[in-house]
């Protein structure tokens, strides 16, 4: 069996060794670039929105905003598949089997290209009808269609970028994807200005800028892998289709992809319920949600780190390290939740005023009320996300997907039964209550797994 020979340690741009040494230190080294990536992505989104709004006006912003549900369903599905494929590759890396690693990379490329083409073709056919079903305003629907059509027909480019970044994370390198994200975002801003301001391409220019930036970053990422991580690169014989491997990778990829789409669908349904409560409550919720998402980055980044750690150590057969990392990650959730809850109770009102720029008491108090309920619930969200990612790392497909179905059904019930009766109070309690049910299902499933019990 050909073993992987990988240079470890001593280089901040290289791989973090998740298979040996102190667990918490390794997890932090791997997680911090993931966290910075998420923060930077949020900052970039703000700048991108400012450019479109400043130069193209409110109608262009509305057109882009109207595509969000479609974007999350289609592009989120494609990116979810890439995440699932990278999870299996991470497991192959942990096994130390170089031949299996190369076959996994080859399978990820084949499956990724195939799924991207199917999503591109199918998505292109349903885009306009889908925008109509979502009741996109007539005055912006054509601009919305133009924007999302360009993105959809370029899913393969976006998938290539995310797959390359996912492969690097799979081998413990979370720093270089951050570097490429930084470059991609700056390039995107520059291209936005070129296409929108100089070439007057309108909203199509914003979409083309996004695609080109990701394409160039994907090429650079491939060059980096060619130069510094050649052990990932498959050769001709590694593209030979092997039923068991392809079934495993396709199953894992589709599982994560469907999970992402189901979560996005649940968010759309919940937003529908919120929209019935009037403008002030919509602003209160959406503004508080921005603060929630900032704090949530600390938990979601740890969850991604857990997924890679569990995948690698499952491949290496190091079950005790997996059990230890779960205990460490749960303790991390508790400590961080306490700190965030204190911050929310001390500065929640200030944060709401900072985000909204308003003194409207209904908005401020509505947002603070939301944050004070969700804040202590972060520990539940952290536990469920890390348990779900751990299950994915262990190779489970249906159990994480079931948790997303629970979330979707829960939001439908809240929108259908509870929000009409209890109004904004039901909106606030919707996700924390659902998280409790999901956490019980996921933690039970995780510790019922024979691998977690040493069997």
Protein backbone atom coordinates (compact mmCIF):
# COMPACT_ATOMS: atom_id res chain seq x y z
CA UNK A 1 0.00 0.00 0.00
CA UNK A 2 1.45 3.33 -1.10
CA UNK A 3 1.53 5.75 1.84
CA UNK A 4 1.14 9.49 1.71
CA UNK A 5 4.31 11.40 2.45
CA UNK A 6 3.24 14.83 3.56
CA UNK A 7 5.34 17.58 5.03
CA UNK A 8 3.82 18.64 8.33
CA UNK A 9 4.34 21.59 10.64
CA UNK A 10 6.89 24.38 10.59
CA UNK A 11 5.04 26.36 7.92
CA UNK A 12 2.00 28.49 8.64
CA UNK A 13 0.88 28.04 5.02
CA UNK A 14 1.16 24.25 5.24
CA UNK A 15 -1.02 21.58 6.78
CA UNK A 16 -2.05 21.49 10.41
CA UNK A 17 -1.46 18.00 11.81
CA UNK A 18 -4.84 16.87 13.12
CA UNK A 19 -3.73 13.26 13.58
CA UNK A 20 -1.09 13.77 16.27
CA UNK A 21 -0.31 16.03 19.20
CA UNK A 22 -2.46 18.33 21.37
CA UNK A 23 -6.02 18.33 20.08
CA UNK A 24 -7.20 21.76 21.21
CA UNK A 25 -4.11 23.54 19.87
CA UNK A 26 -4.42 21.82 16.49
CA UNK A 27 -8.13 22.60 16.32
CA UNK A 28 -7.51 26.29 17.03
CA UNK A 29 -4.76 26.50 14.41
CA UNK A 30 -7.07 24.94 11.86
CA UNK A 31 -10.21 26.84 12.94
CA UNK A 32 -8.89 30.41 13.08
CA UNK A 33 -8.36 30.74 9.30
CA UNK A 34 -11.88 29.34 8.80
CA UNK A 35 -13.25 31.98 11.17
CA UNK A 36 -11.33 34.79 9.48
CA UNK A 37 -12.61 33.54 6.11
CA UNK A 38 -16.20 33.82 7.28
CA UNK A 39 -15.71 37.28 8.76
CA UNK A 40 -13.96 38.48 5.62
CA UNK A 41 -16.73 37.04 3.44
CA UNK A 42 -19.30 39.07 5.40
CA UNK A 43 -17.23 42.24 4.99
CA UNK A 44 -16.88 41.58 1.27
CA UNK A 45 -20.64 41.08 0.91
CA UNK A 46 -21.19 44.47 2.53
CA UNK A 47 -18.76 46.18 0.14
CA UNK A 48 -20.27 44.41 -2.88
CA UNK A 49 -23.75 45.56 -1.80
CA UNK A 50 -22.50 49.14 -1.36
CA UNK A 51 -21.04 49.21 -4.89
CA UNK A 52 -24.20 47.86 -6.50
CA UNK A 53 -26.45 50.14 -4.46
CA UNK A 54 -24.35 53.26 -5.00
CA UNK A 55 -23.90 52.91 -8.75
CA UNK A 56 -27.00 50.97 -9.83
CA UNK A 57 -29.57 52.07 -7.26
CA UNK A 58 -32.22 50.46 -5.09
CA UNK A 59 -33.86 48.51 -7.91
CA UNK A 60 -30.61 46.64 -8.62
CA UNK A 61 -30.23 45.85 -4.94
CA UNK A 62 -33.80 44.58 -4.87
CA UNK A 63 -33.12 42.46 -7.97
CA UNK A 64 -30.06 40.87 -6.34
CA UNK A 65 -31.88 40.39 -3.04
CA UNK A 66 -34.78 38.68 -4.76
CA UNK A 67 -32.43 35.98 -6.07
CA UNK A 68 -31.22 34.99 -2.60
CA UNK A 69 -33.62 32.04 -2.10
CA UNK A 70 -32.84 30.68 -5.58
CA UNK A 71 -29.12 31.23 -5.09
CA UNK A 72 -29.17 29.37 -1.78
CA UNK A 73 -31.16 26.47 -3.21
CA UNK A 74 -29.11 25.91 -6.39
CA UNK A 75 -25.62 27.20 -5.62
CA UNK A 76 -25.92 26.06 -1.98
CA UNK A 77 -26.78 22.57 -3.21
CA UNK A 78 -23.73 22.50 -5.49
CA UNK A 79 -21.42 23.79 -2.78
CA UNK A 80 -22.88 21.27 -0.32
CA UNK A 81 -21.98 18.46 -2.70
CA UNK A 82 -18.42 19.79 -2.80
CA UNK A 83 -18.25 19.80 1.00
CA UNK A 84 -19.45 16.20 1.14
CA UNK A 85 -16.88 15.09 -1.43
CA UNK A 86 -14.09 16.83 0.50
CA UNK A 87 -15.19 15.02 3.68
CA UNK A 88 -14.55 11.63 2.07
CA UNK A 89 -11.22 12.87 0.68
CA UNK A 90 -10.23 13.97 4.19
CA UNK A 91 -10.95 10.44 5.42
CA UNK A 92 -8.75 9.01 2.67
CA UNK A 93 -5.95 11.38 3.67
CA UNK A 94 -6.21 10.27 7.29
CA UNK A 95 -5.85 6.63 6.24
CA UNK A 96 -2.38 7.36 4.84
CA UNK A 97 -3.25 5.46 1.67
CA UNK A 98 -1.88 7.57 -1.20
CA UNK A 99 -3.61 5.52 -3.87
CA UNK A 100 -6.99 5.88 -2.15
CA UNK A 101 -6.40 9.62 -1.72
CA UNK A 102 -5.73 10.07 -5.44
CA UNK A 103 -8.75 7.95 -6.36
CA UNK A 104 -10.89 10.03 -4.01
CA UNK A 105 -9.69 13.25 -5.64
CA UNK A 106 -10.39 11.83 -9.10
CA UNK A 107 -13.88 10.72 -8.04
CA UNK A 108 -14.57 14.16 -6.53
CA UNK A 109 -13.65 15.77 -9.86
CA UNK A 110 -15.82 13.41 -11.92
CA UNK A 111 -18.83 13.60 -9.61
CA UNK A 112 -18.44 17.36 -9.17
CA UNK A 113 -18.35 18.04 -12.90
CA UNK A 114 -21.33 15.76 -13.52
CA UNK A 115 -23.46 17.27 -10.74
CA UNK A 116 -22.54 20.83 -11.76
CA UNK A 117 -23.63 20.20 -15.34
CA UNK A 118 -26.93 18.68 -14.21
CA UNK A 119 -27.61 21.60 -11.83
CA UNK A 120 -26.67 24.10 -14.55
CA UNK A 121 -28.99 22.54 -17.13
CA UNK A 122 -31.90 21.89 -14.75
CA UNK A 123 -31.53 25.20 -12.96
CA UNK A 124 -31.45 27.20 -16.17
CA UNK A 125 -34.78 25.73 -17.22
CA UNK A 126 -36.63 26.55 -13.98
CA UNK A 127 -35.08 29.91 -13.02
CA UNK A 128 -37.74 32.23 -14.43
CA UNK A 129 -40.72 30.13 -13.27
CA UNK A 130 -39.11 29.88 -9.82
CA UNK A 131 -38.71 33.65 -9.57
CA UNK A 132 -42.38 34.00 -10.52
CA UNK A 133 -43.46 31.47 -7.87
CA UNK A 134 -41.51 33.49 -5.29
CA UNK A 135 -43.53 36.54 -6.37
CA UNK A 136 -40.51 38.56 -7.44
CA UNK A 137 -41.70 42.13 -8.17
CA UNK A 138 -42.37 42.67 -11.88
CA UNK A 139 -40.19 45.76 -12.00
CA UNK A 140 -37.05 43.78 -11.04
CA UNK A 141 -37.75 40.21 -12.18
CA UNK A 142 -35.85 40.53 -15.48
CA UNK A 143 -32.76 41.92 -13.74
CA UNK A 144 -33.07 39.17 -11.14
CA UNK A 145 -33.24 36.57 -13.90
CA UNK A 146 -30.20 38.03 -15.67
CA UNK A 147 -28.14 37.94 -12.48
CA UNK A 148 -29.07 34.45 -11.32
CA UNK A 149 -28.86 33.01 -14.86
CA UNK A 150 -25.22 34.08 -15.20
CA UNK A 151 -24.43 32.62 -11.79
CA UNK A 152 -26.27 29.36 -12.54
CA UNK A 153 -24.61 28.70 -15.92
CA UNK A 154 -21.25 29.26 -14.19
CA UNK A 155 -21.81 26.87 -11.29
CA UNK A 156 -19.01 24.63 -12.60
CA UNK A 157 -16.52 27.48 -12.17
CA UNK A 158 -17.71 28.20 -8.64
CA UNK A 159 -17.69 24.49 -7.84
CA UNK A 160 -14.08 24.17 -9.07
CA UNK A 161 -12.97 26.96 -6.74
CA UNK A 162 -14.79 25.53 -3.73
CA UNK A 163 -13.63 21.98 -4.46
CA UNK A 164 -9.98 23.04 -4.63
CA UNK A 165 -10.35 24.96 -1.36
CA UNK A 166 -12.18 21.97 0.15
CA UNK A 167 -9.40 19.57 -0.88
CA UNK A 168 -6.82 21.77 0.82
CA UNK A 169 -8.92 21.90 4.00
CA UNK A 170 -9.34 18.13 3.79
CA UNK A 171 -5.58 17.69 4.26
CA UNK A 172 -5.49 20.18 7.14
CA UNK A 173 -4.60 23.35 5.22
CA UNK A 174 -7.12 26.05 6.08
CA UNK A 175 -4.70 28.95 5.59
CA UNK A 176 -4.32 28.89 1.80
CA UNK A 177 -8.09 28.84 1.15
CA UNK A 178 -8.18 32.02 3.27
CA UNK A 179 -5.47 33.57 1.09
CA UNK A 180 -7.37 32.67 -2.09
CA UNK A 181 -10.64 33.98 -0.63
CA UNK A 182 -8.93 37.27 0.23
CA UNK A 183 -7.58 37.54 -3.31
CA UNK A 184 -10.91 36.52 -4.88
CA UNK A 185 -12.84 39.11 -2.87
CA UNK A 186 -10.46 41.99 -3.70
CA UNK A 187 -10.49 40.97 -7.36
CA UNK A 188 -14.29 40.80 -7.31
CA UNK A 189 -14.54 44.34 -5.96
CA UNK A 190 -12.15 45.58 -8.65
CA UNK A 191 -14.09 43.79 -11.38
CA UNK A 192 -17.36 45.16 -9.98
CA UNK A 193 -16.05 48.68 -10.45
CA UNK A 194 -14.73 47.87 -13.94
CA UNK A 195 -17.88 46.20 -15.26
CA UNK A 196 -20.49 48.32 -13.46
CA UNK A 197 -18.89 51.78 -13.48
CA UNK A 198 -16.54 51.79 -16.46
CA UNK A 199 -18.27 49.37 -18.86
CA UNK A 200 -21.84 50.14 -17.72
CA UNK A 201 -22.89 46.46 -17.77
CA UNK A 202 -25.48 46.91 -15.05
CA UNK A 203 -26.42 44.01 -12.79
CA UNK A 204 -24.98 41.55 -15.32
CA UNK A 205 -21.60 43.11 -14.60
CA UNK A 206 -21.92 42.21 -10.91
CA UNK A 207 -22.62 38.57 -11.80
CA UNK A 208 -19.79 38.36 -14.36
CA UNK A 209 -17.38 39.92 -11.84
CA UNK A 210 -18.24 37.22 -9.29
CA UNK A 211 -17.74 34.40 -11.78
CA UNK A 212 -14.46 35.74 -13.20
CA UNK A 213 -13.01 36.36 -9.74
CA UNK A 214 -13.79 32.79 -8.70
CA UNK A 215 -12.43 31.39 -11.98
CA UNK A 216 -9.08 33.15 -11.57
CA UNK A 217 -8.90 32.11 -7.92
CA UNK A 218 -9.71 28.51 -8.88
CA UNK A 219 -6.82 28.55 -11.37
CA UNK A 220 -4.46 29.92 -8.73
CA UNK A 221 -5.67 27.29 -6.25
CA UNK A 222 -4.99 24.55 -8.82
CA UNK A 223 -1.51 25.94 -9.41
CA UNK A 224 -0.84 25.87 -5.67
CA UNK A 225 -1.97 22.25 -5.43
CA UNK A 226 0.24 21.41 -8.44
CA UNK A 227 3.25 23.04 -6.80
CA UNK A 228 2.78 22.27 -3.10
CA UNK A 229 0.30 19.39 -2.74
CA UNK A 230 1.04 17.08 -5.67
CA UNK A 231 0.12 14.07 -3.57
CA UNK A 232 -3.53 15.11 -4.18
CA UNK A 233 -3.25 15.02 -7.96
CA UNK A 234 -4.68 11.88 -9.59
CA UNK A 235 -3.16 10.16 -12.60
CA UNK A 236 -4.93 8.45 -15.48
CA UNK A 237 -5.29 5.11 -13.70
CA UNK A 238 -6.93 6.77 -10.68
CA UNK A 239 -9.95 7.83 -12.78
CA UNK A 240 -11.01 4.22 -13.18
CA UNK A 241 -14.51 4.06 -11.70
CA UNK A 242 -14.83 1.91 -8.60
CA UNK A 243 -18.41 1.32 -7.54
CA UNK A 244 -17.91 1.35 -3.77
CA UNK A 245 -15.89 4.58 -3.69
CA UNK A 246 -18.16 6.43 -6.13
CA UNK A 247 -21.26 5.30 -4.26
CA UNK A 248 -19.78 6.51 -0.97
CA UNK A 249 -18.70 9.89 -2.35
CA UNK A 250 -21.89 10.52 -4.31
CA UNK A 251 -23.99 9.57 -1.29
CA UNK A 252 -22.00 11.85 1.02
CA UNK A 253 -22.06 14.71 -1.47
CA UNK A 254 -25.79 14.50 -2.17
CA UNK A 255 -26.53 14.19 1.55
CA UNK A 256 -24.75 17.47 2.38
CA UNK A 257 -26.14 19.12 -0.74
CA UNK A 258 -29.74 18.25 0.06
CA UNK A 259 -29.18 19.26 3.68
CA UNK A 260 -28.02 22.71 2.58
CA UNK A 261 -31.04 23.14 0.29
CA UNK A 262 -33.50 21.97 2.96
CA UNK A 263 -32.05 24.45 5.47
CA UNK A 264 -32.35 27.24 2.87
CA UNK A 265 -35.95 26.26 2.16
CA UNK A 266 -36.75 26.39 5.86
CA UNK A 267 -35.31 29.92 6.07
CA UNK A 268 -37.50 31.02 3.16
CA UNK A 269 -40.60 29.60 4.87
CA UNK A 270 -39.76 31.29 8.18
CA UNK A 271 -39.19 34.60 6.40
CA UNK A 272 -42.66 34.27 4.89
CA UNK A 273 -44.11 34.06 8.40
CA UNK A 274 -42.09 37.06 9.58
CA UNK A 275 -43.23 39.12 6.60
CA UNK A 276 -46.80 38.91 7.89
CA UNK A 277 -45.88 40.85 11.05
CA UNK A 278 -45.22 44.23 9.46
CA UNK A 279 -42.22 46.36 8.57
CA UNK A 280 -41.00 47.15 12.10
CA UNK A 281 -40.79 43.49 13.11
CA UNK A 282 -39.13 42.58 9.80
CA UNK A 283 -36.44 45.21 10.43
CA UNK A 284 -36.03 44.15 14.08
CA UNK A 285 -35.62 40.49 13.16
CA UNK A 286 -33.37 40.98 10.13
CA UNK A 287 -31.11 43.40 11.99
CA UNK A 288 -30.79 41.19 15.06
CA UNK A 289 -30.17 38.28 12.72
CA UNK A 290 -27.06 40.02 11.38
CA UNK A 291 -25.65 40.22 14.91
CA UNK A 292 -26.61 36.58 15.48
CA UNK A 293 -24.75 35.51 12.33
CA UNK A 294 -21.58 37.31 13.42
CA UNK A 295 -21.51 35.43 16.75
CA UNK A 296 -22.50 32.19 15.04
CA UNK A 297 -19.31 32.26 12.95
CA UNK A 298 -17.35 31.16 16.02
CA UNK A 299 -19.51 28.04 16.32
CA UNK A 300 -19.83 27.19 12.62
CA UNK A 301 -16.06 27.50 12.14
CA UNK A 302 -15.48 25.04 14.96
CA UNK A 303 -18.05 22.69 13.40
CA UNK A 304 -16.15 22.70 10.09
CA UNK A 305 -12.92 22.01 11.98
CA UNK A 306 -14.61 19.10 13.78
CA UNK A 307 -15.73 17.64 10.46
CA UNK A 308 -12.18 17.57 9.05
CA UNK A 309 -10.70 16.34 12.35
CA UNK A 310 -13.20 13.48 12.63
CA UNK A 311 -12.82 12.55 8.95
CA UNK A 312 -9.04 12.33 9.14
CA UNK A 313 -8.99 10.45 12.42
CA UNK A 314 -11.69 8.05 11.23
CA UNK A 315 -9.47 7.25 8.28
CA UNK A 316 -6.58 6.68 10.68
CA UNK A 317 -8.73 4.60 13.04
CA UNK A 318 -8.04 6.88 16.01
CA UNK A 319 -11.37 6.65 17.79
CA UNK A 320 -10.21 7.98 21.16
CA UNK A 321 -9.05 11.24 19.55
CA UNK A 322 -12.51 11.59 18.01
CA UNK A 323 -14.21 11.11 21.36
CA UNK A 324 -11.85 13.64 22.96
CA UNK A 325 -12.40 16.28 20.30
CA UNK A 326 -16.16 16.08 20.82
CA UNK A 327 -15.75 16.69 24.56
CA UNK A 328 -13.43 19.61 23.85
CA UNK A 329 -15.77 21.13 21.25
CA UNK A 330 -18.77 20.87 23.59
CA UNK A 331 -16.80 22.61 26.36
CA UNK A 332 -15.85 25.30 23.82
CA UNK A 333 -19.58 25.82 23.13
CA UNK A 334 -20.39 26.29 26.82
CA UNK A 335 -17.59 28.80 27.50
CA UNK A 336 -18.25 30.80 24.34
CA UNK A 337 -22.01 30.90 24.96
CA UNK A 338 -21.49 32.33 28.45
CA UNK A 339 -19.21 35.06 27.08
CA UNK A 340 -21.56 35.95 24.20
CA UNK A 341 -24.61 36.01 26.48
CA UNK A 342 -22.86 38.46 28.81
CA UNK A 343 -21.96 40.66 25.84
CA UNK A 344 -25.53 40.59 24.58
CA UNK A 345 -27.03 41.57 27.93
CA UNK A 346 -24.49 44.37 28.37
CA UNK A 347 -24.31 45.73 24.83
CA UNK A 348 -27.32 44.30 22.97
CA UNK A 349 -29.14 47.63 22.73
CA UNK A 350 -25.97 49.40 21.59
CA UNK A 351 -25.37 46.77 18.90
CA UNK A 352 -28.93 47.11 17.60
CA UNK A 353 -28.61 50.89 17.37
CA UNK A 354 -25.26 50.49 15.62
CA UNK A 355 -26.63 48.04 13.05
CA UNK A 356 -29.92 49.83 12.33
CA UNK A 357 -28.98 53.48 12.83
CA UNK A 358 -32.47 54.07 14.22
CA UNK A 359 -33.99 55.15 17.53
CA UNK A 360 -37.33 53.44 16.82
CA UNK A 361 -38.06 51.70 20.12
CA UNK A 362 -40.07 48.84 18.57
CA UNK A 363 -37.12 47.89 16.35
CA UNK A 364 -34.50 48.20 19.08
CA UNK A 365 -36.50 46.32 21.71
CA UNK A 366 -37.60 43.68 19.23
CA UNK A 367 -34.01 43.02 18.23
CA UNK A 368 -32.73 42.97 21.83
CA UNK A 369 -35.52 40.57 22.82
CA UNK A 370 -34.48 38.21 20.00
CA UNK A 371 -30.79 38.35 20.95
CA UNK A 372 -31.45 37.69 24.64
CA UNK A 373 -33.32 34.49 23.82
CA UNK A 374 -30.97 33.29 21.09
CA UNK A 375 -27.77 34.18 23.02
CA UNK A 376 -28.02 31.46 25.70
CA UNK A 377 -29.20 29.05 22.98
CA UNK A 378 -25.88 29.20 21.14
CA UNK A 379 -24.66 26.27 23.21
CA UNK A 380 -27.46 24.13 21.77
CA UNK A 381 -26.72 25.33 18.24
CA UNK A 382 -23.01 24.63 18.69
CA UNK A 383 -23.60 21.12 20.02
CA UNK A 384 -26.01 20.22 17.21
CA UNK A 385 -23.74 21.60 14.47
CA UNK A 386 -20.64 19.86 15.79
CA UNK A 387 -22.52 16.61 16.29
CA UNK A 388 -23.91 16.84 12.75
CA UNK A 389 -20.48 17.54 11.25
CA UNK A 390 -18.98 14.72 13.32
CA UNK A 391 -21.58 12.31 11.94
CA UNK A 392 -20.72 13.44 8.43
CA UNK A 393 -17.04 12.92 9.20
CA UNK A 394 -17.82 9.39 10.35
CA UNK A 395 -19.53 8.74 7.02
CA UNK A 396 -23.18 9.00 8.10
CA UNK A 397 -25.48 10.31 5.38
CA UNK A 398 -29.12 9.98 6.44
CA UNK A 399 -28.90 11.00 10.10
CA UNK A 400 -27.56 14.54 9.43
CA UNK A 401 -30.12 14.87 6.64
CA UNK A 402 -32.94 13.86 9.02
CA UNK A 403 -31.96 16.72 11.32
CA UNK A 404 -32.51 19.17 8.46
CA UNK A 405 -35.93 17.67 7.79
CA UNK A 406 -36.76 18.17 11.48
CA UNK A 407 -35.75 21.82 11.11
CA UNK A 408 -37.89 22.26 8.00
CA UNK A 409 -40.97 20.61 9.53
CA UNK A 410 -40.53 22.64 12.72
CA UNK A 411 -40.44 25.93 10.82
CA UNK A 412 -43.50 24.97 8.79
CA UNK A 413 -45.41 24.23 12.02
CA UNK A 414 -44.32 27.52 13.60
CA UNK A 415 -45.32 29.53 10.51
CA UNK A 416 -48.59 27.66 10.10
CA UNK A 417 -49.74 27.41 13.73
CA UNK A 418 -47.73 29.40 16.27
CA UNK A 419 -46.63 32.63 14.55
CA UNK A 420 -50.21 33.62 13.58
CA UNK A 421 -51.23 33.18 17.24
CA UNK A 422 -48.20 34.36 19.21
CA UNK A 423 -46.76 36.74 16.62
CA UNK A 424 -43.15 37.93 17.18
CA UNK A 425 -42.73 35.88 20.37
CA UNK A 426 -43.14 32.72 18.29
CA UNK A 427 -40.56 34.01 15.79
CA UNK A 428 -38.02 34.47 18.57
CA UNK A 429 -38.56 31.01 20.06
CA UNK A 430 -38.87 29.21 16.73
CA UNK A 431 -35.24 28.27 16.14
CA UNK A 432 -34.15 27.69 19.78
CA UNK A 433 -37.01 25.21 20.27
CA UNK A 434 -36.22 23.42 17.01
CA UNK A 435 -32.51 23.38 17.87
CA UNK A 436 -33.31 21.49 21.09
CA UNK A 437 -35.10 18.74 19.17
CA UNK A 438 -32.32 18.57 16.57
CA UNK A 439 -29.58 18.47 19.22
CA UNK A 440 -31.23 15.52 21.01
CA UNK A 441 -31.55 13.59 17.73
CA UNK A 442 -27.98 14.32 16.62
CA UNK A 443 -26.19 13.73 19.94
CA UNK A 444 -28.14 10.49 20.45
CA UNK A 445 -27.28 9.38 16.91
CA UNK A 446 -23.62 10.29 17.34
CA UNK A 447 -23.10 8.37 20.55
CA UNK A 448 -25.14 5.43 19.31
CA UNK A 449 -22.68 5.12 16.43
CA UNK A 450 -20.62 1.94 16.94
CA UNK A 451 -17.39 3.79 16.08
CA UNK A 452 -17.97 6.27 18.91
CA UNK A 453 -18.40 3.34 21.32
CA UNK A 454 -15.19 1.68 20.20
CA UNK A 455 -16.89 -1.14 18.32
